[in-house]
Amino acid sequence: MKISLIMEGGFLRGAFSVGALKALREMGLRSVDHATGSSGGIGVLAYYVSGQFEQGINIMPNELPNPKFINLKRFFHALFYKAHLMDVDYLIDTVFKKKAPLSENKIRNSRIRFFVPLTNANNDGGSYFDNHTYTKNTDVDFFEILRASMAVPLMYNKTITINNEEYFDGAFFDTLPLGIPEIRDSKKIIILTKPDDINVISYWLKAGIRLFSYRMSRQIRKSYFAHNKRISEFYKKCFELEKQGNTLLIKPKRIFHTFNNNKKVIEDVIECGYRETLNNQKAKDFLASLTEKDRKGCLMEPV
């Protein structure tokens, strides 16, 4: 059976995922067959899929504290002058392309099939882009897919045009794409960034939608509220999959701040993900339970 890695986003809560993935690699997980996620999880996975995880792991503590990326002091500029609270363009064009160059060619040719969900800004649907069947057969710039995957309304005031369609963060279309056939029929490692379905930003989300509603289309507002309601259903599904077997669910024991990009805080969250996963008996048992066929190409001796 194939093995899939699924990673939730959550802005800077994603630092937990970085630590968890680092631990899984040390425990022997060299690769997987499929990978998918949402929001910030897509950025982490891009470096993992390209085989550049060691390079990408330093981005969160070294680059995300930069006020050029997240700066809540830009709130009023964002409200009136279309500035970005979270500047995804800086992350893609400066960090991913220059400071820690991510190889688009390595992503396209990776043995891992990488699914990226995107939400359509003009209807109730979305699309799944992947590095094997879609991007290899088109002229679409994979960096634009990454840009769209992290284009969170309210935080980043743009939608991204791909093939004449406007897209934004795929989490608003599919919180985590567990229903993709290849993902559904595989053994799954799901990394969450909250201990349960507590909505840590619900109050601020509603306030933000009201303040920024004049700049948001009706469809984007609708997607926001629909996503808010689907969170509980998604977490319930993850817990059910864990009980059914063939699924390793890794989640933090406490809630992390979503927007705190203090370097020390980010380092602490990464360390928390790393230590909690290393000491996670279910993770040890899951890796040990993989058959020889499962292991082929995916596991190496733990370091």
C-alpha atoms as a PDB file:
ATOM      1  CA  MET A   1       0.000   0.000   0.000  1.00  0.00           C
ATOM      2  CA  LYS A   2       1.212   3.504  -0.819  1.00  0.00           C
ATOM      3  CA  ILE A   3       2.104   6.015   1.907  1.00  0.00           C
ATOM      4  CA  SER A   4       0.843   9.606   1.949  1.00  0.00           C
ATOM      5  CA  LEU A   5       1.990  12.609   3.966  1.00  0.00           C
ATOM      6  CA  ILE A   6      -0.731  15.177   4.699  1.00  0.00           C
ATOM      7  CA  MET A   7       0.149  18.436   6.410  1.00  0.00           C
ATOM      8  CA  GLU A   8      -2.230  21.050   7.808  1.00  0.00           C
ATOM      9  CA  GLY A   9      -1.391  24.737   7.515  1.00  0.00           C
ATOM     10  CA  GLY A  10      -2.169  27.409  10.069  1.00  0.00           C
ATOM     11  CA  PHE A  11       0.244  30.273   9.427  1.00  0.00           C
ATOM     12  CA  LEU A  12       3.061  30.048  11.978  1.00  0.00           C
ATOM     13  CA  ARG A  13       1.549  27.031  13.716  1.00  0.00           C
ATOM     14  CA  GLY A  14       3.128  25.227  10.783  1.00  0.00           C
ATOM     15  CA  ALA A  15       6.413  25.378  12.686  1.00  0.00           C
ATOM     16  CA  PHE A  16       5.114  22.353  14.612  1.00  0.00           C
ATOM     17  CA  SER A  17       4.907  20.449  11.313  1.00  0.00           C
ATOM     18  CA  VAL A  18       8.518  21.326  10.488  1.00  0.00           C
ATOM     19  CA  GLY A  19       9.682  19.832  13.781  1.00  0.00           C
ATOM     20  CA  ALA A  20       7.444  16.779  13.402  1.00  0.00           C
ATOM     21  CA  LEU A  21       8.695  16.072   9.875  1.00  0.00           C
ATOM     22  CA  LYS A  22      12.293  16.496  10.999  1.00  0.00           C
ATOM     23  CA  ALA A  23      11.675  13.876  13.699  1.00  0.00           C
ATOM     24  CA  LEU A  24       9.978  11.471  11.286  1.00  0.00           C
ATOM     25  CA  ARG A  25      12.983  11.661   8.988  1.00  0.00           C
ATOM     26  CA  GLU A  26      15.297  10.837  11.869  1.00  0.00           C
ATOM     27  CA  MET A  27      13.006   7.931  12.751  1.00  0.00           C
ATOM     28  CA  GLY A  28      13.526   6.534   9.261  1.00  0.00           C
ATOM     29  CA  LEU A  29      10.916   8.115   6.977  1.00  0.00           C
ATOM     30  CA  ARG A  30      13.015   8.902   3.932  1.00  0.00           C
ATOM     31  CA  SER A  31      10.204   9.532   1.491  1.00  0.00           C
ATOM     32  CA  VAL A  32       6.509   8.932   0.780  1.00  0.00           C
ATOM     33  CA  ASP A  33       4.478   8.179  -2.335  1.00  0.00           C
ATOM     34  CA  HIS A  34       2.070  11.118  -2.114  1.00  0.00           C
ATOM     35  CA  ALA A  35       2.080  14.458  -0.338  1.00  0.00           C
ATOM     36  CA  THR A  36      -0.577  17.109   0.114  1.00  0.00           C
ATOM     37  CA  GLY A  37      -1.655  19.784   2.548  1.00  0.00           C
ATOM     38  CA  SER A  38      -2.937  23.333   2.738  1.00  0.00           C
ATOM     39  CA  SER A  39      -1.658  26.885   3.230  1.00  0.00           C
ATOM     40  CA  GLY A  40       1.730  26.997   4.968  1.00  0.00           C
ATOM     41  CA  GLY A  41       1.873  23.208   4.913  1.00  0.00           C
ATOM     42  CA  ILE A  42       2.280  23.375   1.139  1.00  0.00           C
ATOM     43  CA  GLY A  43       5.404  25.516   1.473  1.00  0.00           C
ATOM     44  CA  VAL A  44       7.017  23.048   3.887  1.00  0.00           C
ATOM     45  CA  LEU A  45       6.076  20.116   1.664  1.00  0.00           C
ATOM     46  CA  ALA A  46       7.506  21.785  -1.445  1.00  0.00           C
ATOM     47  CA  TYR A  47      11.005  21.577   0.030  1.00  0.00           C
ATOM     48  CA  TYR A  48      10.365  18.030   1.226  1.00  0.00           C
ATOM     49  CA  VAL A  49       9.114  16.877  -2.193  1.00  0.00           C
ATOM     50  CA  SER A  50      12.067  18.496  -3.975  1.00  0.00           C
ATOM     51  CA  GLY A  51      14.548  16.736  -1.673  1.00  0.00           C
ATOM     52  CA  GLN A  52      15.617  20.095  -0.178  1.00  0.00           C
ATOM     53  CA  PHE A  53      14.084  19.716   3.267  1.00  0.00           C
ATOM     54  CA  GLU A  54      17.354  20.419   5.081  1.00  0.00           C
ATOM     55  CA  GLN A  55      17.573  23.716   3.201  1.00  0.00           C
ATOM     56  CA  GLY A  56      13.916  24.566   3.725  1.00  0.00           C
ATOM     57  CA  ILE A  57      13.844  23.754   7.437  1.00  0.00           C
ATOM     58  CA  ASN A  58      15.699  26.979   8.248  1.00  0.00           C
ATOM     59  CA  ILE A  59      13.201  29.239   6.477  1.00  0.00           C
ATOM     60  CA  MET A  60      10.741  29.468   9.350  1.00  0.00           C
ATOM     61  CA  PRO A  61      13.126  30.572  12.123  1.00  0.00           C
ATOM     62  CA  ASN A  62      15.404  32.632   9.875  1.00  0.00           C
ATOM     63  CA  GLU A  63      13.092  34.265   7.323  1.00  0.00           C
ATOM     64  CA  LEU A  64       9.552  34.367   8.696  1.00  0.00           C
ATOM     65  CA  PRO A  65      10.412  36.691  11.613  1.00  0.00           C
ATOM     66  CA  ASN A  66      11.296  39.285   8.973  1.00  0.00           C
ATOM     67  CA  PRO A  67       8.664  42.088   9.114  1.00  0.00           C
ATOM     68  CA  LYS A  68       8.749  42.090   5.325  1.00  0.00           C
ATOM     69  CA  PHE A  69       6.758  38.840   5.514  1.00  0.00           C
ATOM     70  CA  ILE A  70       4.328  39.228   8.429  1.00  0.00           C
ATOM     71  CA  ASN A  71       3.793  42.595  10.038  1.00  0.00           C
ATOM     72  CA  LEU A  72       0.539  43.195  11.893  1.00  0.00           C
ATOM     73  CA  LYS A  73       1.527  46.851  12.208  1.00  0.00           C
ATOM     74  CA  ARG A  74       0.495  47.146   8.567  1.00  0.00           C
ATOM     75  CA  PHE A  75      -3.124  46.602   9.610  1.00  0.00           C
ATOM     76  CA  PHE A  76      -4.414  50.081   8.747  1.00  0.00           C
ATOM     77  CA  HIS A  77      -2.386  50.181   5.544  1.00  0.00           C
ATOM     78  CA  ALA A  78      -3.948  46.837   4.651  1.00  0.00           C
ATOM     79  CA  LEU A  79      -7.385  48.176   5.469  1.00  0.00           C
ATOM     80  CA  PHE A  80      -7.152  51.350   3.386  1.00  0.00           C
ATOM     81  CA  TYR A  81      -4.255  50.965   0.937  1.00  0.00           C
ATOM     82  CA  LYS A  82      -4.238  47.247   0.048  1.00  0.00           C
ATOM     83  CA  ALA A  83      -0.975  46.457   1.821  1.00  0.00           C
ATOM     84  CA  HIS A  84      -0.430  42.842   2.876  1.00  0.00           C
ATOM     85  CA  LEU A  85      -0.394  41.731   6.497  1.00  0.00           C
ATOM     86  CA  MET A  86       1.318  38.616   5.148  1.00  0.00           C
ATOM     87  CA  ASP A  87       3.372  39.336   2.050  1.00  0.00           C
ATOM     88  CA  VAL A  88       3.325  36.077   0.109  1.00  0.00           C
ATOM     89  CA  ASP A  89       5.153  37.794  -2.769  1.00  0.00           C
ATOM     90  CA  TYR A  90       8.154  38.354  -0.500  1.00  0.00           C
ATOM     91  CA  LEU A  91       8.087  34.693   0.561  1.00  0.00           C
ATOM     92  CA  ILE A  92       7.888  33.362  -3.003  1.00  0.00           C
ATOM     93  CA  ASP A  93       9.989  35.870  -4.956  1.00  0.00           C
ATOM     94  CA  THR A  94      12.699  36.589  -2.392  1.00  0.00           C
ATOM     95  CA  VAL A  95      12.883  33.572  -0.075  1.00  0.00           C
ATOM     96  CA  PHE A  96      11.821  30.628  -2.250  1.00  0.00           C
ATOM     97  CA  LYS A  97      13.500  31.895  -5.412  1.00  0.00           C
ATOM     98  CA  LYS A  98      16.629  33.629  -4.074  1.00  0.00           C
ATOM     99  CA  LYS A  99      17.536  33.173  -0.414  1.00  0.00           C
ATOM    100  CA  ALA A 100      16.709  29.458  -0.204  1.00  0.00           C
ATOM    101  CA  PRO A 101      16.300  28.547  -3.883  1.00  0.00           C
ATOM    102  CA  LEU A 102      13.577  25.943  -4.344  1.00  0.00           C
ATOM    103  CA  SER A 103      14.091  23.830  -7.453  1.00  0.00           C
ATOM    104  CA  GLU A 104      10.974  23.727  -9.597  1.00  0.00           C
ATOM    105  CA  ASN A 105      12.648  21.088 -11.750  1.00  0.00           C
ATOM    106  CA  LYS A 106      13.227  18.821  -8.738  1.00  0.00           C
ATOM    107  CA  ILE A 107       9.582  19.202  -7.722  1.00  0.00           C
ATOM    108  CA  ARG A 108       8.387  18.248 -11.191  1.00  0.00           C
ATOM    109  CA  ASN A 109      10.674  15.202 -11.306  1.00  0.00           C
ATOM    110  CA  SER A 110      10.266  14.024  -7.721  1.00  0.00           C
ATOM    111  CA  ARG A 111       9.151  10.423  -7.129  1.00  0.00           C
ATOM    112  CA  ILE A 112       6.573  11.913  -4.738  1.00  0.00           C
ATOM    113  CA  ARG A 113       3.285  12.922  -6.317  1.00  0.00           C
ATOM    114  CA  PHE A 114       2.519  16.329  -4.829  1.00  0.00           C
ATOM    115  CA  PHE A 115      -1.133  17.471  -4.795  1.00  0.00           C
ATOM    116  CA  VAL A 116      -1.851  21.173  -4.229  1.00  0.00           C
ATOM    117  CA  PRO A 117      -5.498  22.190  -3.695  1.00  0.00           C
ATOM    118  CA  LEU A 118      -6.572  25.696  -4.718  1.00  0.00           C
ATOM    119  CA  THR A 119      -9.888  27.476  -4.153  1.00  0.00           C
ATOM    120  CA  ASN A 120     -11.582  29.103  -7.126  1.00  0.00           C
ATOM    121  CA  ALA A 121     -12.366  32.738  -6.327  1.00  0.00           C
ATOM    122  CA  ASN A 122     -15.374  32.854  -8.647  1.00  0.00           C
ATOM    123  CA  ASN A 123     -17.390  29.747  -7.765  1.00  0.00           C
ATOM    124  CA  ASP A 124     -17.934  27.143  -5.042  1.00  0.00           C
ATOM    125  CA  GLY A 125     -15.261  24.807  -6.332  1.00  0.00           C
ATOM    126  CA  GLY A 126     -11.544  24.494  -6.684  1.00  0.00           C
ATOM    127  CA  SER A 127      -8.832  22.499  -8.406  1.00  0.00           C
ATOM    128  CA  TYR A 128      -6.098  20.038  -7.525  1.00  0.00           C
ATOM    129  CA  PHE A 129      -2.783  20.722  -9.216  1.00  0.00           C
ATOM    130  CA  ASP A 130      -0.029  18.139  -9.057  1.00  0.00           C
ATOM    131  CA  ASN A 131       3.591  17.919 -10.096  1.00  0.00           C
ATOM    132  CA  HIS A 132       3.290  14.769 -12.206  1.00  0.00           C
ATOM    133  CA  THR A 133       0.244  14.912 -14.451  1.00  0.00           C
ATOM    134  CA  TYR A 134      -0.590  18.608 -14.493  1.00  0.00           C
ATOM    135  CA  THR A 135       2.500  20.761 -14.303  1.00  0.00           C
ATOM    136  CA  LYS A 136       4.639  18.513 -16.506  1.00  0.00           C
ATOM    137  CA  ASN A 137       2.164  18.859 -19.354  1.00  0.00           C
ATOM    138  CA  THR A 138       1.562  22.609 -19.148  1.00  0.00           C
ATOM    139  CA  ASP A 139       3.523  25.817 -19.073  1.00  0.00           C
ATOM    140  CA  VAL A 140       2.174  26.745 -15.632  1.00  0.00           C
ATOM    141  CA  ASP A 141       4.836  28.136 -13.309  1.00  0.00           C
ATOM    142  CA  PHE A 142       4.778  25.955 -10.175  1.00  0.00           C
ATOM    143  CA  PHE A 143       5.780  28.983  -8.104  1.00  0.00           C
ATOM    144  CA  GLU A 144       2.440  30.560  -9.059  1.00  0.00           C
ATOM    145  CA  ILE A 145       0.656  27.472  -7.760  1.00  0.00           C
ATOM    146  CA  LEU A 146       2.596  27.824  -4.500  1.00  0.00           C
ATOM    147  CA  ARG A 147       1.760  31.531  -4.380  1.00  0.00           C
ATOM    148  CA  ALA A 148      -1.953  30.792  -4.792  1.00  0.00           C
ATOM    149  CA  SER A 149      -1.830  28.021  -2.180  1.00  0.00           C
ATOM    150  CA  MET A 150      -0.768  30.569   0.462  1.00  0.00           C
ATOM    151  CA  ALA A 151      -2.912  33.464  -0.761  1.00  0.00           C
ATOM    152  CA  VAL A 152      -5.085  33.840   2.341  1.00  0.00           C
ATOM    153  CA  PRO A 153      -7.766  36.546   2.028  1.00  0.00           C
ATOM    154  CA  LEU A 154      -7.551  39.246   4.716  1.00  0.00           C
ATOM    155  CA  MET A 155      -3.843  38.478   5.157  1.00  0.00           C
ATOM    156  CA  TYR A 156      -2.842  38.756   1.487  1.00  0.00           C
ATOM    157  CA  ASN A 157      -4.945  40.991  -0.732  1.00  0.00           C
ATOM    158  CA  LYS A 158      -4.667  39.167  -4.034  1.00  0.00           C
ATOM    159  CA  THR A 159      -6.010  36.228  -5.925  1.00  0.00           C
ATOM    160  CA  ILE A 160      -3.650  34.461  -8.350  1.00  0.00           C
ATOM    161  CA  THR A 161      -4.544  33.876 -11.990  1.00  0.00           C
ATOM    162  CA  ILE A 162      -3.712  30.434 -13.369  1.00  0.00           C
ATOM    163  CA  ASN A 163      -5.041  29.423 -16.774  1.00  0.00           C
ATOM    164  CA  ASN A 164      -7.446  32.363 -16.781  1.00  0.00           C
ATOM    165  CA  GLU A 165      -8.988  31.339 -13.444  1.00  0.00           C
ATOM    166  CA  GLU A 166      -8.517  33.192 -10.160  1.00  0.00           C
ATOM    167  CA  TYR A 167      -7.426  31.129  -7.156  1.00  0.00           C
ATOM    168  CA  PHE A 168      -6.514  31.496  -3.494  1.00  0.00           C
ATOM    169  CA  ASP A 169      -5.647  29.288  -0.501  1.00  0.00           C
ATOM    170  CA  GLY A 170      -6.910  25.740  -1.120  1.00  0.00           C
ATOM    171  CA  ALA A 171      -7.884  25.204   2.523  1.00  0.00           C
ATOM    172  CA  PHE A 172     -11.096  27.123   1.799  1.00  0.00           C
ATOM    173  CA  PHE A 173     -12.018  24.559  -0.860  1.00  0.00           C
ATOM    174  CA  ASP A 174     -10.716  21.406   0.823  1.00  0.00           C
ATOM    175  CA  THR A 175      -9.377  21.739   4.373  1.00  0.00           C
ATOM    176  CA  LEU A 176      -7.045  18.820   3.732  1.00  0.00           C
ATOM    177  CA  PRO A 177      -7.661  16.742   0.587  1.00  0.00           C
ATOM    178  CA  LEU A 178      -8.175  13.333   2.163  1.00  0.00           C
ATOM    179  CA  GLY A 179     -10.687  12.388  -0.532  1.00  0.00           C
ATOM    180  CA  ILE A 180      -8.284  12.394  -3.486  1.00  0.00           C
ATOM    181  CA  PRO A 181      -8.335   8.713  -4.587  1.00  0.00           C
ATOM    182  CA  GLU A 182      -4.580   8.255  -4.286  1.00  0.00           C
ATOM    183  CA  ILE A 183      -4.640   9.743  -0.779  1.00  0.00           C
ATOM    184  CA  ARG A 184      -7.839   7.990   0.303  1.00  0.00           C
ATOM    185  CA  ASP A 185      -6.549   4.539  -0.659  1.00  0.00           C
ATOM    186  CA  SER A 186      -3.140   4.893   1.002  1.00  0.00           C
ATOM    187  CA  LYS A 187      -1.679   4.638   4.470  1.00  0.00           C
ATOM    188  CA  LYS A 188      -1.620   8.152   5.851  1.00  0.00           C
ATOM    189  CA  ILE A 189       0.588  10.282   8.060  1.00  0.00           C
ATOM    190  CA  ILE A 190      -1.449  13.363   8.996  1.00  0.00           C
ATOM    191  CA  ILE A 191       0.271  16.234  10.804  1.00  0.00           C
ATOM    192  CA  LEU A 192      -2.132  18.696  12.434  1.00  0.00           C
ATOM    193  CA  THR A 193      -1.182  22.033  13.955  1.00  0.00           C
ATOM    194  CA  LYS A 194      -3.885  22.173  16.652  1.00  0.00           C
ATOM    195  CA  PRO A 195      -4.734  19.593  19.333  1.00  0.00           C
ATOM    196  CA  ASP A 196      -8.402  19.548  18.267  1.00  0.00           C
ATOM    197  CA  ASP A 197     -10.953  21.550  16.291  1.00  0.00           C
ATOM    198  CA  ILE A 198     -10.773  24.654  18.490  1.00  0.00           C
ATOM    199  CA  ASN A 199     -11.094  27.637  16.167  1.00  0.00           C
ATOM    200  CA  VAL A 200      -8.300  29.831  17.490  1.00  0.00           C
ATOM    201  CA  ILE A 201      -9.109  32.780  15.216  1.00  0.00           C
ATOM    202  CA  SER A 202     -12.904  32.702  14.962  1.00  0.00           C
ATOM    203  CA  TYR A 203     -13.499  36.044  16.730  1.00  0.00           C
ATOM    204  CA  TRP A 204     -10.798  37.876  14.773  1.00  0.00           C
ATOM    205  CA  LEU A 205     -11.853  36.138  11.583  1.00  0.00           C
ATOM    206  CA  LYS A 206     -15.402  37.462  11.824  1.00  0.00           C
ATOM    207  CA  ALA A 207     -14.184  40.946  12.757  1.00  0.00           C
ATOM    208  CA  GLY A 208     -11.718  40.928   9.877  1.00  0.00           C
ATOM    209  CA  ILE A 209     -14.341  39.871   7.359  1.00  0.00           C
ATOM    210  CA  ARG A 210     -16.556  42.747   8.453  1.00  0.00           C
ATOM    211  CA  LEU A 211     -13.720  45.280   8.217  1.00  0.00           C
ATOM    212  CA  PHE A 212     -12.411  44.061   4.877  1.00  0.00           C
ATOM    213  CA  SER A 213     -15.735  43.035   3.357  1.00  0.00           C
ATOM    214  CA  TYR A 214     -15.745  45.982   0.952  1.00  0.00           C
ATOM    215  CA  ARG A 215     -12.615  44.538  -0.680  1.00  0.00           C
ATOM    216  CA  MET A 216     -13.706  40.895  -0.694  1.00  0.00           C
ATOM    217  CA  SER A 217     -15.975  39.341  -3.262  1.00  0.00           C
ATOM    218  CA  ARG A 218     -19.166  37.695  -2.091  1.00  0.00           C
ATOM    219  CA  GLN A 219     -17.712  34.315  -3.095  1.00  0.00           C
ATOM    220  CA  ILE A 220     -14.579  34.754  -0.957  1.00  0.00           C
ATOM    221  CA  ARG A 221     -16.650  35.784   2.077  1.00  0.00           C
ATOM    222  CA  LYS A 222     -18.824  32.729   1.511  1.00  0.00           C
ATOM    223  CA  SER A 223     -15.743  30.483   1.282  1.00  0.00           C
ATOM    224  CA  TYR A 224     -14.400  31.877   4.549  1.00  0.00           C
ATOM    225  CA  PHE A 225     -17.543  31.107   6.521  1.00  0.00           C
ATOM    226  CA  ALA A 226     -17.957  27.678   4.896  1.00  0.00           C
ATOM    227  CA  HIS A 227     -14.373  26.810   5.813  1.00  0.00           C
ATOM    228  CA  ASN A 228     -14.982  27.891   9.379  1.00  0.00           C
ATOM    229  CA  LYS A 229     -17.875  25.425   9.650  1.00  0.00           C
ATOM    230  CA  ARG A 230     -15.967  22.554   8.025  1.00  0.00           C
ATOM    231  CA  ILE A 231     -13.094  22.556  10.532  1.00  0.00           C
ATOM    232  CA  SER A 232     -14.937  20.402  13.077  1.00  0.00           C
ATOM    233  CA  GLU A 233     -15.996  17.913  10.398  1.00  0.00           C
ATOM    234  CA  PHE A 234     -12.423  17.679   9.146  1.00  0.00           C
ATOM    235  CA  TYR A 235     -10.958  17.002  12.584  1.00  0.00           C
ATOM    236  CA  LYS A 236     -13.650  14.416  13.270  1.00  0.00           C
ATOM    237  CA  LYS A 237     -12.694  12.670  10.023  1.00  0.00           C
ATOM    238  CA  CYS A 238      -9.018  12.620  11.039  1.00  0.00           C
ATOM    239  CA  PHE A 239      -9.831  11.070  14.418  1.00  0.00           C
ATOM    240  CA  GLU A 240     -12.022   8.441  12.728  1.00  0.00           C
ATOM    241  CA  LEU A 241      -9.242   7.521  10.306  1.00  0.00           C
ATOM    242  CA  GLU A 242      -6.840   7.081  13.207  1.00  0.00           C
ATOM    243  CA  LYS A 243      -9.235   4.654  14.905  1.00  0.00           C
ATOM    244  CA  GLN A 244      -9.720   2.688  11.688  1.00  0.00           C
ATOM    245  CA  GLY A 245      -5.986   2.045  11.378  1.00  0.00           C
ATOM    246  CA  ASN A 246      -3.496   2.663   8.564  1.00  0.00           C
ATOM    247  CA  THR A 247      -3.326   6.298   9.712  1.00  0.00           C
ATOM    248  CA  LEU A 248      -0.794   8.006  11.964  1.00  0.00           C
ATOM    249  CA  LEU A 249      -2.195  11.225  13.411  1.00  0.00           C
ATOM    250  CA  ILE A 250       0.383  13.630  14.872  1.00  0.00           C
ATOM    251  CA  LYS A 251      -0.952  16.695  16.671  1.00  0.00           C
ATOM    252  CA  PRO A 252       0.407  19.093  19.298  1.00  0.00           C
ATOM    253  CA  LYS A 253      -0.570  18.836  22.934  1.00  0.00           C
ATOM    254  CA  ARG A 254      -1.243  22.553  23.200  1.00  0.00           C
ATOM    255  CA  ILE A 255      -2.338  25.502  21.060  1.00  0.00           C
ATOM    256  CA  PHE A 256       0.258  27.737  19.436  1.00  0.00           C
ATOM    257  CA  HIS A 257      -0.142  31.374  18.476  1.00  0.00           C
ATOM    258  CA  THR A 258      -1.150  31.678  14.836  1.00  0.00           C
ATOM    259  CA  PHE A 259       0.536  34.993  14.010  1.00  0.00           C
ATOM    260  CA  ASN A 260       3.460  35.280  16.442  1.00  0.00           C
ATOM    261  CA  ASN A 261       6.546  35.345  14.223  1.00  0.00           C
ATOM    262  CA  ASN A 262       9.051  35.990  16.991  1.00  0.00           C
ATOM    263  CA  LYS A 263      12.169  33.970  16.168  1.00  0.00           C
ATOM    264  CA  LYS A 264      12.411  32.408  19.641  1.00  0.00           C
ATOM    265  CA  VAL A 265       8.737  31.430  19.580  1.00  0.00           C
ATOM    266  CA  ILE A 266       9.091  29.797  16.161  1.00  0.00           C
ATOM    267  CA  GLU A 267      12.179  27.876  17.301  1.00  0.00           C
ATOM    268  CA  ASP A 268      10.326  26.682  20.407  1.00  0.00           C
ATOM    269  CA  VAL A 269       7.362  25.451  18.343  1.00  0.00           C
ATOM    270  CA  ILE A 270       9.681  23.601  15.931  1.00  0.00           C
ATOM    271  CA  GLU A 271      11.426  21.994  18.898  1.00  0.00           C
ATOM    272  CA  CYS A 272       8.061  21.050  20.389  1.00  0.00           C
ATOM    273  CA  GLY A 273       7.019  19.296  17.164  1.00  0.00           C
ATOM    274  CA  TYR A 274      10.368  17.540  17.016  1.00  0.00           C
ATOM    275  CA  ARG A 275      10.406  16.297  20.623  1.00  0.00           C
ATOM    276  CA  GLU A 276       6.738  15.322  20.785  1.00  0.00           C
ATOM    277  CA  THR A 277       7.059  13.263  17.597  1.00  0.00           C
ATOM    278  CA  LEU A 278      10.292  11.571  18.656  1.00  0.00           C
ATOM    279  CA  ASN A 279       8.549  10.518  21.866  1.00  0.00           C
ATOM    280  CA  ASN A 280       5.304   9.535  20.151  1.00  0.00           C
ATOM    281  CA  GLN A 281       4.841   5.807  20.641  1.00  0.00           C
ATOM    282  CA  LYS A 282       2.128   5.677  17.970  1.00  0.00           C
ATOM    283  CA  ALA A 283       4.598   7.095  15.455  1.00  0.00           C
ATOM    284  CA  LYS A 284       7.161   4.453  16.413  1.00  0.00           C
ATOM    285  CA  ASP A 285       4.550   1.689  16.153  1.00  0.00           C
ATOM    286  CA  PHE A 286       3.252   2.971  12.805  1.00  0.00           C
ATOM    287  CA  LEU A 287       6.684   2.983  11.187  1.00  0.00           C
ATOM    288  CA  ALA A 288       7.467  -0.431  12.670  1.00  0.00           C
ATOM    289  CA  SER A 289       4.189  -1.864  11.343  1.00  0.00           C
ATOM    290  CA  LEU A 290       4.880  -1.060   7.701  1.00  0.00           C
ATOM    291  CA  THR A 291       5.326  -4.138   5.571  1.00  0.00           C
ATOM    292  CA  GLU A 292       8.433  -4.762   3.517  1.00  0.00           C
ATOM    293  CA  LYS A 293       6.511  -3.624   0.433  1.00  0.00           C
ATOM    294  CA  ASP A 294       5.418  -0.443   2.208  1.00  0.00           C
ATOM    295  CA  ARG A 295       8.956   0.216   3.337  1.00  0.00           C
ATOM    296  CA  LYS A 296      10.554  -0.108  -0.083  1.00  0.00           C
ATOM    297  CA  GLY A 297      11.652   3.326  -1.189  1.00  0.00           C
ATOM    298  CA  CYS A 298      10.117   5.055   1.847  1.00  0.00           C
ATOM    299  CA  LEU A 299      12.140   4.008   4.876  1.00  0.00           C
ATOM    300  CA  MET A 300      15.781   4.081   5.803  1.00  0.00           C
ATOM    301  CA  GLU A 301      17.562   3.129   8.982  1.00  0.00           C
ATOM    302  CA  PRO A 302      16.856   5.681  11.747  1.00  0.00           C
ATOM    303  CA  VAL A 303      19.793   7.983  12.464  1.00  0.00           C
END
